[in-house]
Protein backbone atom coordinates (compact mmCIF):
# COMPACT_ATOMS: atom_id res chain seq x y z
CA MET A 1 79.47 59.99 24.87
CA GLU A 2 76.93 60.62 22.16
CA PHE A 3 74.67 58.42 20.05
CA ILE A 4 72.18 59.16 17.32
CA GLN A 5 69.32 56.70 16.98
CA GLU A 6 67.74 56.66 13.53
CA SER A 7 64.37 55.00 13.10
CA GLY A 8 63.08 54.53 9.58
CA PHE A 9 59.38 53.91 9.14
CA THR A 10 56.43 53.96 6.76
CA ILE A 11 53.27 56.03 7.13
CA LYS A 12 49.93 54.52 6.13
CA GLN A 13 49.10 55.26 2.52
CA GLY A 14 46.89 58.35 2.28
CA LYS A 15 47.89 59.58 5.77
CA GLU A 16 51.12 61.41 4.88
CA GLU A 17 49.56 64.90 4.80
CA ALA A 18 47.77 64.31 8.09
CA PHE A 19 51.04 63.07 9.59
CA GLN A 20 52.85 66.20 8.44
CA GLN A 21 50.09 68.35 9.97
CA TRP A 22 50.37 66.40 13.23
CA LEU A 23 54.13 67.06 13.25
CA VAL A 24 53.62 70.78 12.66
CA ALA A 25 51.27 70.89 15.66
CA ASN A 26 53.09 68.47 17.97
CA GLU A 27 56.78 67.87 17.15
CA GLN A 28 58.05 70.58 19.53
CA ARG A 29 55.66 69.39 22.26
CA LEU A 30 56.96 65.83 21.82
CA ALA A 31 60.59 67.01 21.92
CA ALA A 32 59.92 68.76 25.26
CA THR A 33 58.79 65.47 26.86
CA TYR A 34 61.98 63.49 26.24
CA PRO A 35 63.66 62.12 29.39
CA GLU A 36 66.99 63.41 30.69
CA GLY A 37 69.94 62.43 28.52
CA THR A 38 67.79 62.00 25.43
CA GLY A 39 66.34 64.34 22.87
CA LEU A 40 64.40 64.47 19.66
CA ILE A 41 66.50 65.93 16.85
CA GLY A 42 63.54 65.78 14.50
CA VAL A 43 61.34 63.80 12.15
CA TYR A 44 62.34 63.91 8.49
CA ALA A 45 60.81 62.92 5.17
CA VAL A 46 63.32 61.09 3.00
CA THR A 47 63.98 63.07 -0.17
CA TRP A 48 66.41 60.57 -1.66
CA THR A 49 68.20 57.41 -0.54
CA SER A 50 69.81 54.28 -1.89
CA GLU A 51 68.04 52.23 0.79
CA LYS A 52 65.08 50.35 -0.65
CA GLU A 53 63.56 48.95 2.54
CA ALA A 54 64.32 51.57 5.20
CA GLY A 55 61.04 53.51 5.04
CA ALA A 56 60.26 56.96 3.65
CA TRP A 57 60.41 58.72 7.03
CA ARG A 58 63.15 59.02 9.65
CA MET A 59 63.11 60.01 13.29
CA LEU A 60 66.46 61.06 14.78
CA GLU A 61 67.06 61.04 18.51
CA ARG A 62 70.13 62.05 20.50
CA LEU A 63 71.21 59.78 23.37
CA ASP A 64 73.95 60.40 25.94
CA SER A 65 74.62 56.73 26.71
CA TYR A 66 73.42 53.19 26.18
CA GLY A 67 71.42 53.71 29.40
CA ALA A 68 69.42 56.42 27.63
CA LEU A 69 67.73 53.62 25.67
CA ASP A 70 66.38 52.31 28.99
CA ARG A 71 65.14 55.79 29.96
CA LEU A 72 63.29 56.08 26.64
CA ALA A 73 61.76 52.64 27.13
CA ALA A 74 60.62 53.50 30.67
CA ALA A 75 59.11 56.81 29.52
CA GLY A 76 57.24 55.03 26.73
CA LYS A 77 55.92 52.41 29.14
CA ASP A 78 54.45 55.05 31.47
CA ARG A 79 51.11 55.46 29.67
CA SER A 80 50.25 58.47 31.86
CA SER A 81 53.28 60.47 30.64
CA ASP A 82 53.03 63.09 27.91
CA PHE A 83 55.95 61.35 26.17
CA ALA A 84 53.99 58.09 25.88
CA LYS A 85 50.74 59.80 24.90
CA LEU A 86 52.34 61.85 22.11
CA SER A 87 54.44 58.89 20.96
CA MET A 88 51.30 56.75 20.66
CA GLU A 89 49.49 59.50 18.75
CA MET A 90 52.40 59.67 16.32
CA ALA A 91 52.58 55.87 16.03
CA ALA A 92 48.92 55.74 14.99
CA PHE A 93 50.00 57.13 11.60
CA GLY A 94 52.49 54.30 11.06
CA ASP A 95 52.08 51.34 8.75
CA TRP A 96 52.92 48.47 11.07
CA ASP A 97 52.39 45.69 8.53
CA ARG A 98 55.32 43.28 8.88
CA ASP A 99 56.19 43.84 5.20
CA ALA A 100 56.18 47.65 5.39
CA PRO A 101 59.66 49.18 5.02
CA TRP A 102 61.42 50.12 8.27
CA SER A 103 64.92 50.39 9.71
CA GLN A 104 66.81 50.93 12.97
CA VAL A 105 70.31 52.41 13.24
CA LEU A 106 72.34 53.35 16.30
CA LEU A 107 75.29 55.62 15.53
CA LYS A 108 78.06 56.27 18.06
CA ARG A 109 80.16 59.42 17.71
CA ALA A 110 83.45 58.37 16.10
CA THR A 111 85.53 60.13 18.74
CA ASP A 112 83.81 58.00 21.43
CA ALA A 113 83.94 54.68 19.57
CA THR A 114 86.52 51.99 20.18
CA ILE A 115 88.33 51.82 16.86
CA TRP A 116 91.55 49.98 16.25
CA ASP A 117 93.53 48.58 13.38
CA PRO A 118 94.34 44.87 13.41
CA PRO A 119 97.98 43.97 14.09
CA GLN A 120 100.19 44.08 11.01
CA GLU A 121 102.01 40.92 10.02
CA ALA A 122 105.77 41.19 10.14
């Protein structure tokens, strides 16, 4: 089974260059701290989109199951872990105002999803 978690977010105005520099220095380090069954695909700047309120940045993570969400949560809660420390450093760049654009999407690989057509009427 495979999922992609997409998190859209906004960076504080005037902090975008510093955020990019932080990513250059730390994105690979952060990726190496992900718990088993999870992984950082990468952090992306949105170059174009039709979404008006999804944020100008996206973080993509690979998950092997719904349970991987729990492993990510546990790793983030362990404030002594490198995962939590680097995640908090990255989060410090975010604009967490309730009105700032953001989004959350969980995608399940189509070949793993339960998909069916409704019964046809006779």
